[in-house]
Amino acid sequence: MPIVTTAYPVAASVTKRQKIERAIISRAVTALLGSGYWLAVCQGDEEEQPASRYKRQIMKLLGECDEDRIIVYRDKTRVGWVYLVYGNDQGETVITDYTVNLEPQLAPVNAYAETL
């Protein structure tokens, strides 16, 4: 997930929010991969990217649009999703929604986000 840079100065609050979003998403991706899932990224309204187990590849695709969906697979079967919306609050609410079956993996991530 790239930190937005431009030829113009970026407010410190924006950079801080982006770092918080990235930290939360990184924990979510780690938790899901650690549970054996394959993850695909759907950027905004674009086509879904191929599923991967490589965190660096997944993280690189995230954050280029205003919203992303992480599609979760087990054994080539789609089993869930995580909906991300960037730019809300101070970044702690970047995980906007997800399928309930992913609660065991995402509950610790949500608890972390609440401490920020």
PDB file of N, CA and C in Angstrom:
ATOM      1  N   MET A   1       0.852  -1.166   0.000  1.00  0.00           N
ATOM      2  CA  MET A   1       0.000   0.000   0.000  1.00  0.00           C
ATOM      3  C   MET A   1       0.893   1.221   0.000  1.00  0.00           C
ATOM      4  N   PRO A   2       0.906   1.950  -1.049  1.00  0.00           N
ATOM      5  CA  PRO A   2       1.799   3.101  -1.120  1.00  0.00           C
ATOM      6  C   PRO A   2       1.307   4.259  -0.262  1.00  0.00           C
ATOM      7  N   ILE A   3       2.236   4.965   0.323  1.00  0.00           N
ATOM      8  CA  ILE A   3       1.919   6.216   0.992  1.00  0.00           C
ATOM      9  C   ILE A   3       1.858   7.269  -0.111  1.00  0.00           C
ATOM     10  N   VAL A   4       0.790   8.026  -0.151  1.00  0.00           N
ATOM     11  CA  VAL A   4       0.597   8.994  -1.224  1.00  0.00           C
ATOM     12  C   VAL A   4       1.651  10.084  -1.141  1.00  0.00           C
ATOM     13  N   THR A   5       2.305  10.309  -2.250  1.00  0.00           N
ATOM     14  CA  THR A   5       3.254  11.413  -2.338  1.00  0.00           C
ATOM     15  C   THR A   5       2.914  12.219  -3.580  1.00  0.00           C
ATOM     16  N   THR A   6       3.109  13.499  -3.500  1.00  0.00           N
ATOM     17  CA  THR A   6       2.819  14.382  -4.623  1.00  0.00           C
ATOM     18  C   THR A   6       3.896  15.447  -4.697  1.00  0.00           C
ATOM     19  N   ALA A   7       3.804  16.276  -5.721  1.00  0.00           N
ATOM     20  CA  ALA A   7       4.721  17.408  -5.831  1.00  0.00           C
ATOM     21  C   ALA A   7       4.350  18.494  -4.829  1.00  0.00           C
ATOM     22  N   TYR A   8       3.172  18.364  -4.238  1.00  0.00           N
ATOM     23  CA  TYR A   8       2.687  19.340  -3.264  1.00  0.00           C
ATOM     24  C   TYR A   8       2.845  18.765  -1.862  1.00  0.00           C
ATOM     25  N   PRO A   9       2.985  19.611  -0.877  1.00  0.00           N
ATOM     26  CA  PRO A   9       3.109  19.120   0.498  1.00  0.00           C
ATOM     27  C   PRO A   9       1.852  18.353   0.922  1.00  0.00           C
ATOM     28  N   VAL A  10       2.057  17.247   1.620  1.00  0.00           N
ATOM     29  CA  VAL A  10       0.958  16.450   2.162  1.00  0.00           C
ATOM     30  C   VAL A  10       0.889  16.729   3.657  1.00  0.00           C
ATOM     31  N   ALA A  11      -0.309  16.994   4.146  1.00  0.00           N
ATOM     32  CA  ALA A  11      -0.485  17.299   5.565  1.00  0.00           C
ATOM     33  C   ALA A  11      -0.002  16.133   6.423  1.00  0.00           C
ATOM     34  N   ALA A  12       0.595  16.458   7.548  1.00  0.00           N
ATOM     35  CA  ALA A  12       1.091  15.435   8.467  1.00  0.00           C
ATOM     36  C   ALA A  12      -0.033  14.515   8.928  1.00  0.00           C
ATOM     37  N   SER A  13      -1.236  15.054   9.075  1.00  0.00           N
ATOM     38  CA  SER A  13      -2.365  14.227   9.510  1.00  0.00           C
ATOM     39  C   SER A  13      -2.720  13.166   8.469  1.00  0.00           C
ATOM     40  N   VAL A  14      -2.536  13.493   7.200  1.00  0.00           N
ATOM     41  CA  VAL A  14      -2.812  12.524   6.126  1.00  0.00           C
ATOM     42  C   VAL A  14      -1.772  11.412   6.158  1.00  0.00           C
ATOM     43  N   THR A  15      -0.519  11.775   6.295  1.00  0.00           N
ATOM     44  CA  THR A  15       0.543  10.778   6.363  1.00  0.00           C
ATOM     45  C   THR A  15       0.348   9.868   7.569  1.00  0.00           C
ATOM     46  N   LYS A  16      -0.034  10.448   8.701  1.00  0.00           N
ATOM     47  CA  LYS A  16      -0.276   9.655   9.914  1.00  0.00           C
ATOM     48  C   LYS A  16      -1.439   8.687   9.695  1.00  0.00           C
ATOM     49  N   ARG A  17      -2.523   9.162   9.097  1.00  0.00           N
ATOM     50  CA  ARG A  17      -3.682   8.304   8.828  1.00  0.00           C
ATOM     51  C   ARG A  17      -3.302   7.147   7.911  1.00  0.00           C
ATOM     52  N   GLN A  18      -2.531   7.441   6.874  1.00  0.00           N
ATOM     53  CA  GLN A  18      -2.118   6.394   5.942  1.00  0.00           C
ATOM     54  C   GLN A  18      -1.251   5.339   6.630  1.00  0.00           C
ATOM     55  N   LYS A  19      -0.392   5.750   7.541  1.00  0.00           N
ATOM     56  CA  LYS A  19       0.443   4.797   8.275  1.00  0.00           C
ATOM     57  C   LYS A  19      -0.404   3.915   9.181  1.00  0.00           C
ATOM     58  N   ILE A  20      -1.419   4.495   9.804  1.00  0.00           N
ATOM     59  CA  ILE A  20      -2.325   3.722  10.655  1.00  0.00           C
ATOM     60  C   ILE A  20      -3.103   2.723   9.811  1.00  0.00           C
ATOM     61  N   GLU A  21      -3.636   3.178   8.672  1.00  0.00           N
ATOM     62  CA  GLU A  21      -4.360   2.268   7.776  1.00  0.00           C
ATOM     63  C   GLU A  21      -3.468   1.110   7.351  1.00  0.00           C
ATOM     64  N   ARG A  22      -2.247   1.422   6.980  1.00  0.00           N
ATOM     65  CA  ARG A  22      -1.316   0.395   6.517  1.00  0.00           C
ATOM     66  C   ARG A  22      -1.011  -0.611   7.630  1.00  0.00           C
ATOM     67  N   ALA A  23      -0.831  -0.146   8.851  1.00  0.00           N
ATOM     68  CA  ALA A  23      -0.539  -1.040   9.975  1.00  0.00           C
ATOM     69  C   ALA A  23      -1.706  -1.993  10.236  1.00  0.00           C
ATOM     70  N   ILE A  24      -2.916  -1.474  10.172  1.00  0.00           N
ATOM     71  CA  ILE A  24      -4.101  -2.309  10.406  1.00  0.00           C
ATOM     72  C   ILE A  24      -4.256  -3.337   9.290  1.00  0.00           C
ATOM     73  N   ILE A  25      -4.128  -2.899   8.066  1.00  0.00           N
ATOM     74  CA  ILE A  25      -4.275  -3.811   6.931  1.00  0.00           C
ATOM     75  C   ILE A  25      -3.174  -4.869   6.952  1.00  0.00           C
ATOM     76  N   SER A  26      -1.967  -4.476   7.288  1.00  0.00           N
ATOM     77  CA  SER A  26      -0.858  -5.430   7.369  1.00  0.00           C
ATOM     78  C   SER A  26      -1.165  -6.527   8.370  1.00  0.00           C
ATOM     79  N   ARG A  27      -1.713  -6.156   9.517  1.00  0.00           N
ATOM     80  CA  ARG A  27      -2.085  -7.156  10.529  1.00  0.00           C
ATOM     81  C   ARG A  27      -3.195  -8.069  10.019  1.00  0.00           C
ATOM     82  N   ALA A  28      -4.159  -7.502   9.312  1.00  0.00           N
ATOM     83  CA  ALA A  28      -5.257  -8.316   8.779  1.00  0.00           C
ATOM     84  C   ALA A  28      -4.739  -9.316   7.747  1.00  0.00           C
ATOM     85  N   VAL A  29      -3.901  -8.855   6.844  1.00  0.00           N
ATOM     86  CA  VAL A  29      -3.344  -9.736   5.819  1.00  0.00           C
ATOM     87  C   VAL A  29      -2.510 -10.840   6.473  1.00  0.00           C
ATOM     88  N   THR A  30      -1.705 -10.483   7.446  1.00  0.00           N
ATOM     89  CA  THR A  30      -0.901 -11.477   8.158  1.00  0.00           C
ATOM     90  C   THR A  30      -1.778 -12.517   8.838  1.00  0.00           C
ATOM     91  N   ALA A  31      -2.844 -12.073   9.494  1.00  0.00           N
ATOM     92  CA  ALA A  31      -3.751 -12.992  10.187  1.00  0.00           C
ATOM     93  C   ALA A  31      -4.436 -13.947   9.209  1.00  0.00           C
ATOM     94  N   LEU A  32      -4.881 -13.424   8.087  1.00  0.00           N
ATOM     95  CA  LEU A  32      -5.573 -14.262   7.105  1.00  0.00           C
ATOM     96  C   LEU A  32      -4.612 -15.249   6.446  1.00  0.00           C
ATOM     97  N   LEU A  33      -3.444 -14.783   6.057  1.00  0.00           N
ATOM     98  CA  LEU A  33      -2.453 -15.689   5.473  1.00  0.00           C
ATOM     99  C   LEU A  33      -2.020 -16.743   6.487  1.00  0.00           C
ATOM    100  N   GLY A  34      -1.893 -16.338   7.750  1.00  0.00           N
ATOM    101  CA  GLY A  34      -1.509 -17.259   8.816  1.00  0.00           C
ATOM    102  C   GLY A  34      -2.527 -18.350   9.062  1.00  0.00           C
ATOM    103  N   SER A  35      -3.756 -18.115   8.638  1.00  0.00           N
ATOM    104  CA  SER A  35      -4.814 -19.129   8.774  1.00  0.00           C
ATOM    105  C   SER A  35      -4.929 -19.989   7.522  1.00  0.00           C
ATOM    106  N   GLY A  36      -3.984 -19.813   6.606  1.00  0.00           N
ATOM    107  CA  GLY A  36      -3.955 -20.668   5.428  1.00  0.00           C
ATOM    108  C   GLY A  36      -4.755 -20.184   4.238  1.00  0.00           C
ATOM    109  N   TYR A  37      -5.297 -18.988   4.317  1.00  0.00           N
ATOM    110  CA  TYR A  37      -6.086 -18.463   3.204  1.00  0.00           C
ATOM    111  C   TYR A  37      -5.195 -17.935   2.086  1.00  0.00           C
ATOM    112  N   TRP A  38      -5.736 -17.918   0.893  1.00  0.00           N
ATOM    113  CA  TRP A  38      -5.176 -17.219  -0.264  1.00  0.00           C
ATOM    114  C   TRP A  38      -5.969 -15.933  -0.389  1.00  0.00           C
ATOM    115  N   LEU A  39      -5.312 -14.840  -0.769  1.00  0.00           N
ATOM    116  CA  LEU A  39      -5.978 -13.545  -0.844  1.00  0.00           C
ATOM    117  C   LEU A  39      -5.844 -12.948  -2.238  1.00  0.00           C
ATOM    118  N   ALA A  40      -6.949 -12.401  -2.710  1.00  0.00           N
ATOM    119  CA  ALA A  40      -6.959 -11.663  -3.974  1.00  0.00           C
ATOM    120  C   ALA A  40      -7.410 -10.244  -3.657  1.00  0.00           C
ATOM    121  N   VAL A  41      -6.963  -9.299  -4.450  1.00  0.00           N
ATOM    122  CA  VAL A  41      -7.320  -7.896  -4.247  1.00  0.00           C
ATOM    123  C   VAL A  41      -8.165  -7.428  -5.420  1.00  0.00           C
ATOM    124  N   CYS A  42      -9.254  -6.751  -5.088  1.00  0.00           N
ATOM    125  CA  CYS A  42     -10.106  -6.111  -6.083  1.00  0.00           C
ATOM    126  C   CYS A  42     -10.024  -4.614  -5.800  1.00  0.00           C
ATOM    127  N   GLN A  43      -9.363  -3.883  -6.681  1.00  0.00           N
ATOM    128  CA  GLN A  43      -9.122  -2.454  -6.489  1.00  0.00           C
ATOM    129  C   GLN A  43     -10.273  -1.644  -7.052  1.00  0.00           C
ATOM    130  N   GLY A  44     -10.994  -0.959  -6.168  1.00  0.00           N
ATOM    131  CA  GLY A  44     -12.109  -0.138  -6.614  1.00  0.00           C
ATOM    132  C   GLY A  44     -13.075  -0.959  -7.441  1.00  0.00           C
ATOM    133  N   ASP A  45     -13.335  -0.528  -8.661  1.00  0.00           N
ATOM    134  CA  ASP A  45     -14.251  -1.239  -9.557  1.00  0.00           C
ATOM    135  C   ASP A  45     -13.511  -2.130 -10.553  1.00  0.00           C
ATOM    136  N   GLU A  46     -12.230  -2.323 -10.360  1.00  0.00           N
ATOM    137  CA  GLU A  46     -11.421  -3.106 -11.294  1.00  0.00           C
ATOM    138  C   GLU A  46     -11.649  -4.603 -11.099  1.00  0.00           C
ATOM    139  N   GLU A  47     -11.154  -5.366 -12.051  1.00  0.00           N
ATOM    140  CA  GLU A  47     -11.221  -6.820 -11.966  1.00  0.00           C
ATOM    141  C   GLU A  47     -10.359  -7.327 -10.812  1.00  0.00           C
ATOM    142  N   GLU A  48     -10.758  -8.427 -10.254  1.00  0.00           N
ATOM    143  CA  GLU A  48     -10.022  -9.057  -9.167  1.00  0.00           C
ATOM    144  C   GLU A  48      -8.664  -9.557  -9.664  1.00  0.00           C
ATOM    145  N   GLN A  49      -7.629  -9.293  -8.885  1.00  0.00           N
ATOM    146  CA  GLN A  49      -6.291  -9.784  -9.196  1.00  0.00           C
ATOM    147  C   GLN A  49      -6.189 -11.256  -8.786  1.00  0.00           C
ATOM    148  N   PRO A  50      -5.275 -12.016  -9.361  1.00  0.00           N
ATOM    149  CA  PRO A  50      -5.118 -13.425  -8.974  1.00  0.00           C
ATOM    150  C   PRO A  50      -4.805 -13.568  -7.485  1.00  0.00           C
ATOM    151  N   ALA A  51      -5.318 -14.623  -6.883  1.00  0.00           N
ATOM    152  CA  ALA A  51      -5.085 -14.877  -5.464  1.00  0.00           C
ATOM    153  C   ALA A  51      -3.613 -15.200  -5.214  1.00  0.00           C
ATOM    154  N   SER A  52      -3.140 -14.825  -4.031  1.00  0.00           N
ATOM    155  CA  SER A  52      -1.736 -14.981  -3.692  1.00  0.00           C
ATOM    156  C   SER A  52      -1.587 -15.318  -2.219  1.00  0.00           C
ATOM    157  N   ARG A  53      -0.434 -15.875  -1.868  1.00  0.00           N
ATOM    158  CA  ARG A  53      -0.073 -16.095  -0.468  1.00  0.00           C
ATOM    159  C   ARG A  53       1.138 -15.236  -0.102  1.00  0.00           C
ATOM    160  N   TYR A  54       1.514 -14.309  -0.983  1.00  0.00           N
ATOM    161  CA  TYR A  54       2.681 -13.458  -0.754  1.00  0.00           C
ATOM    162  C   TYR A  54       2.247 -12.093  -0.238  1.00  0.00           C
ATOM    163  N   LYS A  55       2.557 -11.841   1.021  1.00  0.00           N
ATOM    164  CA  LYS A  55       2.108 -10.610   1.667  1.00  0.00           C
ATOM    165  C   LYS A  55       2.592  -9.365   0.934  1.00  0.00           C
ATOM    166  N   ARG A  56       3.841  -9.343   0.531  1.00  0.00           N
ATOM    167  CA  ARG A  56       4.384  -8.157  -0.141  1.00  0.00           C
ATOM    168  C   ARG A  56       3.593  -7.849  -1.418  1.00  0.00           C
ATOM    169  N   GLN A  57       3.285  -8.875  -2.189  1.00  0.00           N
ATOM    170  CA  GLN A  57       2.519  -8.702  -3.424  1.00  0.00           C
ATOM    171  C   GLN A  57       1.113  -8.168  -3.123  1.00  0.00           C
ATOM    172  N   ILE A  58       0.475  -8.701  -2.106  1.00  0.00           N
ATOM    173  CA  ILE A  58      -0.873  -8.283  -1.724  1.00  0.00           C
ATOM    174  C   ILE A  58      -0.857  -6.834  -1.249  1.00  0.00           C
ATOM    175  N   MET A  59       0.070  -6.497  -0.366  1.00  0.00           N
ATOM    176  CA  MET A  59       0.140  -5.146   0.178  1.00  0.00           C
ATOM    177  C   MET A  59       0.425  -4.115  -0.905  1.00  0.00           C
ATOM    178  N   LYS A  60       1.194  -4.493  -1.901  1.00  0.00           N
ATOM    179  CA  LYS A  60       1.524  -3.569  -2.989  1.00  0.00           C
ATOM    180  C   LYS A  60       0.278  -3.164  -3.778  1.00  0.00           C
ATOM    181  N   LEU A  61      -0.688  -4.052  -3.873  1.00  0.00           N
ATOM    182  CA  LEU A  61      -1.909  -3.771  -4.631  1.00  0.00           C
ATOM    183  C   LEU A  61      -2.903  -2.905  -3.856  1.00  0.00           C
ATOM    184  N   LEU A  62      -2.775  -2.870  -2.553  1.00  0.00           N
ATOM    185  CA  LEU A  62      -3.754  -2.176  -1.716  1.00  0.00           C
ATOM    186  C   LEU A  62      -3.443  -0.692  -1.581  1.00  0.00           C
ATOM    187  N   GLY A  63      -4.483   0.132  -1.549  1.00  0.00           N
ATOM    188  CA  GLY A  63      -4.331   1.550  -1.262  1.00  0.00           C
ATOM    189  C   GLY A  63      -4.179   2.446  -2.464  1.00  0.00           C
ATOM    190  N   GLU A  64      -4.294   1.906  -3.659  1.00  0.00           N
ATOM    191  CA  GLU A  64      -4.163   2.733  -4.857  1.00  0.00           C
ATOM    192  C   GLU A  64      -5.480   3.396  -5.254  1.00  0.00           C
ATOM    193  N   CYS A  65      -6.567   2.948  -4.658  1.00  0.00           N
ATOM    194  CA  CYS A  65      -7.902   3.505  -4.928  1.00  0.00           C
ATOM    195  C   CYS A  65      -8.499   3.982  -3.607  1.00  0.00           C
ATOM    196  N   ASP A  66      -9.698   4.528  -3.666  1.00  0.00           N
ATOM    197  CA  ASP A  66     -10.378   4.963  -2.444  1.00  0.00           C
ATOM    198  C   ASP A  66     -10.890   3.794  -1.625  1.00  0.00           C
ATOM    199  N   GLU A  67     -11.082   2.656  -2.283  1.00  0.00           N
ATOM    200  CA  GLU A  67     -11.584   1.475  -1.590  1.00  0.00           C
ATOM    201  C   GLU A  67     -11.033   0.229  -2.276  1.00  0.00           C
ATOM    202  N   ASP A  68     -10.888  -0.827  -1.487  1.00  0.00           N
ATOM    203  CA  ASP A  68     -10.428  -2.122  -1.982  1.00  0.00           C
ATOM    204  C   ASP A  68     -11.245  -3.217  -1.319  1.00  0.00           C
ATOM    205  N   ARG A  69     -11.255  -4.366  -1.959  1.00  0.00           N
ATOM    206  CA  ARG A  69     -11.812  -5.564  -1.353  1.00  0.00           C
ATOM    207  C   ARG A  69     -10.742  -6.641  -1.381  1.00  0.00           C
ATOM    208  N   ILE A  70     -10.558  -7.280  -0.250  1.00  0.00           N
ATOM    209  CA  ILE A  70      -9.693  -8.455  -0.188  1.00  0.00           C
ATOM    210  C   ILE A  70     -10.640  -9.650  -0.267  1.00  0.00           C
ATOM    211  N   ILE A  71     -10.462 -10.451  -1.301  1.00  0.00           N
ATOM    212  CA  ILE A  71     -11.288 -11.639  -1.489  1.00  0.00           C
ATOM    213  C   ILE A  71     -10.512 -12.814  -0.908  1.00  0.00           C
ATOM    214  N   VAL A  72     -11.173 -13.595  -0.060  1.00  0.00           N
ATOM    215  CA  VAL A  72     -10.512 -14.648   0.702  1.00  0.00           C
ATOM    216  C   VAL A  72     -10.894 -16.013   0.129  1.00  0.00           C
ATOM    217  N   TYR A  73      -9.872 -16.822  -0.133  1.00  0.00           N
ATOM    218  CA  TYR A  73     -10.063 -18.152  -0.714  1.00  0.00           C
ATOM    219  C   TYR A  73      -9.444 -19.220   0.165  1.00  0.00           C
ATOM    220  N   ARG A  74     -10.080 -20.381   0.130  1.00  0.00           N
ATOM    221  CA  ARG A  74      -9.496 -21.599   0.692  1.00  0.00           C
ATOM    222  C   ARG A  74      -9.682 -22.689  -0.354  1.00  0.00           C
ATOM    223  N   ASP A  75      -8.582 -23.303  -0.745  1.00  0.00           N
ATOM    224  CA  ASP A  75      -8.630 -24.371  -1.759  1.00  0.00           C
ATOM    225  C   ASP A  75      -9.388 -23.942  -3.012  1.00  0.00           C
ATOM    226  N   LYS A  76      -9.077 -22.778  -3.523  1.00  0.00           N
ATOM    227  CA  LYS A  76      -9.647 -22.226  -4.751  1.00  0.00           C
ATOM    228  C   LYS A  76     -11.148 -21.921  -4.654  1.00  0.00           C
ATOM    229  N   THR A  77     -11.692 -21.977  -3.446  1.00  0.00           N
ATOM    230  CA  THR A  77     -13.098 -21.641  -3.221  1.00  0.00           C
ATOM    231  C   THR A  77     -13.177 -20.321  -2.467  1.00  0.00           C
ATOM    232  N   ARG A  78     -13.983 -19.417  -2.990  1.00  0.00           N
ATOM    233  CA  ARG A  78     -14.153 -18.121  -2.332  1.00  0.00           C
ATOM    234  C   ARG A  78     -14.948 -18.326  -1.046  1.00  0.00           C
ATOM    235  N   VAL A  79     -14.357 -17.902   0.075  1.00  0.00           N
ATOM    236  CA  VAL A  79     -15.001 -18.138   1.370  1.00  0.00           C
ATOM    237  C   VAL A  79     -15.317 -16.856   2.134  1.00  0.00           C
ATOM    238  N   GLY A  80     -14.885 -15.695   1.632  1.00  0.00           N
ATOM    239  CA  GLY A  80     -15.184 -14.457   2.345  1.00  0.00           C
ATOM    240  C   GLY A  80     -14.533 -13.261   1.688  1.00  0.00           C
ATOM    241  N   TRP A  81     -14.681 -12.112   2.348  1.00  0.00           N
ATOM    242  CA  TRP A  81     -14.116 -10.862   1.836  1.00  0.00           C
ATOM    243  C   TRP A  81     -13.947  -9.874   2.980  1.00  0.00           C
ATOM    244  N   VAL A  82     -13.068  -8.907   2.740  1.00  0.00           N
ATOM    245  CA  VAL A  82     -12.852  -7.786   3.660  1.00  0.00           C
ATOM    246  C   VAL A  82     -12.953  -6.517   2.818  1.00  0.00           C
ATOM    247  N   TYR A  83     -13.774  -5.577   3.263  1.00  0.00           N
ATOM    248  CA  TYR A  83     -13.988  -4.327   2.534  1.00  0.00           C
ATOM    249  C   TYR A  83     -13.211  -3.215   3.228  1.00  0.00           C
ATOM    250  N   LEU A  84     -12.345  -2.543   2.474  1.00  0.00           N
ATOM    251  CA  LEU A  84     -11.499  -1.468   2.996  1.00  0.00           C
ATOM    252  C   LEU A  84     -11.892  -0.141   2.360  1.00  0.00           C
ATOM    253  N   VAL A  85     -12.044   0.883   3.193  1.00  0.00           N
ATOM    254  CA  VAL A  85     -12.303   2.240   2.702  1.00  0.00           C
ATOM    255  C   VAL A  85     -11.262   3.148   3.344  1.00  0.00           C
ATOM    256  N   TYR A  86     -10.536   3.867   2.498  1.00  0.00           N
ATOM    257  CA  TYR A  86      -9.451   4.726   2.950  1.00  0.00           C
ATOM    258  C   TYR A  86      -9.926   6.156   3.178  1.00  0.00           C
ATOM    259  N   GLY A  87      -9.285   6.832   4.129  1.00  0.00           N
ATOM    260  CA  GLY A  87      -9.532   8.248   4.339  1.00  0.00           C
ATOM    261  C   GLY A  87     -10.562   8.581   5.395  1.00  0.00           C
ATOM    262  N   ASN A  88     -11.082   7.582   6.093  1.00  0.00           N
ATOM    263  CA  ASN A  88     -12.080   7.845   7.135  1.00  0.00           C
ATOM    264  C   ASN A  88     -11.420   8.051   8.487  1.00  0.00           C
ATOM    265  N   ASP A  89     -11.976   8.956   9.255  1.00  0.00           N
ATOM    266  CA  ASP A  89     -11.519   9.224  10.620  1.00  0.00           C
ATOM    267  C   ASP A  89     -10.003   9.408  10.647  1.00  0.00           C
ATOM    268  N   GLN A  90      -9.356   8.742  11.601  1.00  0.00           N
ATOM    269  CA  GLN A  90      -7.895   8.821  11.713  1.00  0.00           C
ATOM    270  C   GLN A  90      -7.223   7.583  11.145  1.00  0.00           C
ATOM    271  N   GLY A  91      -7.992   6.764  10.413  1.00  0.00           N
ATOM    272  CA  GLY A  91      -7.449   5.562   9.797  1.00  0.00           C
ATOM    273  C   GLY A  91      -7.839   4.283  10.498  1.00  0.00           C
ATOM    274  N   GLU A  92      -8.312   4.387  11.727  1.00  0.00           N
ATOM    275  CA  GLU A  92      -8.617   3.187  12.510  1.00  0.00           C
ATOM    276  C   GLU A  92      -9.833   2.420  11.999  1.00  0.00           C
ATOM    277  N   THR A  93     -10.631   3.033  11.148  1.00  0.00           N
ATOM    278  CA  THR A  93     -11.831   2.369  10.619  1.00  0.00           C
ATOM    279  C   THR A  93     -11.640   1.924   9.173  1.00  0.00           C
ATOM    280  N   VAL A  94     -10.415   1.695   8.748  1.00  0.00           N
ATOM    281  CA  VAL A  94     -10.152   1.301   7.363  1.00  0.00           C
ATOM    282  C   VAL A  94     -10.848  -0.013   7.013  1.00  0.00           C
ATOM    283  N   ILE A  95     -10.925  -0.952   7.964  1.00  0.00           N
ATOM    284  CA  ILE A  95     -11.699  -2.179   7.733  1.00  0.00           C
ATOM    285  C   ILE A  95     -13.147  -1.826   8.017  1.00  0.00           C
ATOM    286  N   THR A  96     -13.897  -1.661   6.933  1.00  0.00           N
ATOM    287  CA  THR A  96     -15.266  -1.183   7.049  1.00  0.00           C
ATOM    288  C   THR A  96     -16.261  -2.316   7.252  1.00  0.00           C
ATOM    289  N   ASP A  97     -15.999  -3.462   6.627  1.00  0.00           N
ATOM    290  CA  ASP A  97     -16.916  -4.595   6.723  1.00  0.00           C
ATOM    291  C   ASP A  97     -16.172  -5.853   6.305  1.00  0.00           C
ATOM    292  N   TYR A  98     -16.700  -7.005   6.719  1.00  0.00           N
ATOM    293  CA  TYR A  98     -16.146  -8.299   6.299  1.00  0.00           C
ATOM    294  C   TYR A  98     -17.162  -9.386   6.601  1.00  0.00           C
ATOM    295  N   THR A  99     -16.950 -10.557   5.982  1.00  0.00           N
ATOM    296  CA  THR A  99     -17.868 -11.661   6.227  1.00  0.00           C
ATOM    297  C   THR A  99     -17.619 -12.208   7.633  1.00  0.00           C
ATOM    298  N   VAL A 100     -18.701 -12.616   8.274  1.00  0.00           N
ATOM    299  CA  VAL A 100     -18.664 -12.990   9.683  1.00  0.00           C
ATOM    300  C   VAL A 100     -17.757 -14.198   9.934  1.00  0.00           C
ATOM    301  N   ASN A 101     -17.565 -15.051   8.959  1.00  0.00           N
ATOM    302  CA  ASN A 101     -16.713 -16.228   9.165  1.00  0.00           C
ATOM    303  C   ASN A 101     -15.241 -15.866   9.391  1.00  0.00           C
ATOM    304  N   LEU A 102     -14.862 -14.621   9.092  1.00  0.00           N
ATOM    305  CA  LEU A 102     -13.484 -14.187   9.292  1.00  0.00           C
ATOM    306  C   LEU A 102     -13.270 -13.526  10.657  1.00  0.00           C
ATOM    307  N   GLU A 103     -14.291 -13.504  11.484  1.00  0.00           N
ATOM    308  CA  GLU A 103     -14.194 -12.871  12.800  1.00  0.00           C
ATOM    309  C   GLU A 103     -13.052 -13.434  13.654  1.00  0.00           C
ATOM    310  N   PRO A 104     -12.837 -14.750  13.686  1.00  0.00           N
ATOM    311  CA  PRO A 104     -11.728 -15.253  14.515  1.00  0.00           C
ATOM    312  C   PRO A 104     -10.369 -14.659  14.124  1.00  0.00           C
ATOM    313  N   GLN A 105     -10.145 -14.445  12.841  1.00  0.00           N
ATOM    314  CA  GLN A 105      -8.882 -13.879  12.389  1.00  0.00           C
ATOM    315  C   GLN A 105      -8.825 -12.361  12.565  1.00  0.00           C
ATOM    316  N   LEU A 106      -9.950 -11.687  12.396  1.00  0.00           N
ATOM    317  CA  LEU A 106      -9.963 -10.230  12.397  1.00  0.00           C
ATOM    318  C   LEU A 106     -10.274  -9.600  13.756  1.00  0.00           C
ATOM    319  N   ALA A 107     -10.784 -10.363  14.709  1.00  0.00           N
ATOM    320  CA  ALA A 107     -11.073  -9.806  16.039  1.00  0.00           C
ATOM    321  C   ALA A 107      -9.830  -9.191  16.687  1.00  0.00           C
ATOM    322  N   PRO A 108      -8.674  -9.861  16.657  1.00  0.00           N
ATOM    323  CA  PRO A 108      -7.476  -9.220  17.233  1.00  0.00           C
ATOM    324  C   PRO A 108      -7.049  -7.961  16.469  1.00  0.00           C
ATOM    325  N   VAL A 109      -7.276  -7.937  15.184  1.00  0.00           N
ATOM    326  CA  VAL A 109      -6.948  -6.756  14.375  1.00  0.00           C
ATOM    327  C   VAL A 109      -7.860  -5.604  14.771  1.00  0.00           C
ATOM    328  N   ASN A 110      -9.139  -5.902  14.951  1.00  0.00           N
ATOM    329  CA  ASN A 110     -10.091  -4.864  15.391  1.00  0.00           C
ATOM    330  C   ASN A 110      -9.727  -4.339  16.776  1.00  0.00           C
ATOM    331  N   ALA A 111      -9.304  -5.233  17.665  1.00  0.00           N
ATOM    332  CA  ALA A 111      -8.908  -4.809  19.010  1.00  0.00           C
ATOM    333  C   ALA A 111      -7.696  -3.877  18.931  1.00  0.00           C
ATOM    334  N   TYR A 112      -6.752  -4.215  18.059  1.00  0.00           N
ATOM    335  CA  TYR A 112      -5.582  -3.345  17.853  1.00  0.00           C
ATOM    336  C   TYR A 112      -6.020  -1.974  17.335  1.00  0.00           C
ATOM    337  N   ALA A 113      -6.919  -1.970  16.343  1.00  0.00           N
ATOM    338  CA  ALA A 113      -7.386  -0.706  15.754  1.00  0.00           C
ATOM    339  C   ALA A 113      -8.050   0.188  16.786  1.00  0.00           C
ATOM    340  N   GLU A 114      -8.739  -0.418  17.738  1.00  0.00           N
ATOM    341  CA  GLU A 114      -9.421   0.368  18.777  1.00  0.00           C
ATOM    342  C   GLU A 114      -8.441   1.031  19.727  1.00  0.00           C
ATOM    343  N   THR A 115      -7.214   0.571  19.766  1.00  0.00           N
ATOM    344  CA  THR A 115      -6.215   1.191  20.659  1.00  0.00           C
ATOM    345  C   THR A 115      -5.537   2.396  20.021  1.00  0.00           C
ATOM    346  N   LEU A 116      -5.763   2.606  18.749  1.00  0.00           N
ATOM    347  CA  LEU A 116      -5.081   3.693  18.032  1.00  0.00           C
ATOM    348  C   LEU A 116      -5.821   5.010  18.162  1.00  0.00           C
TER     349      LEU A 116
END
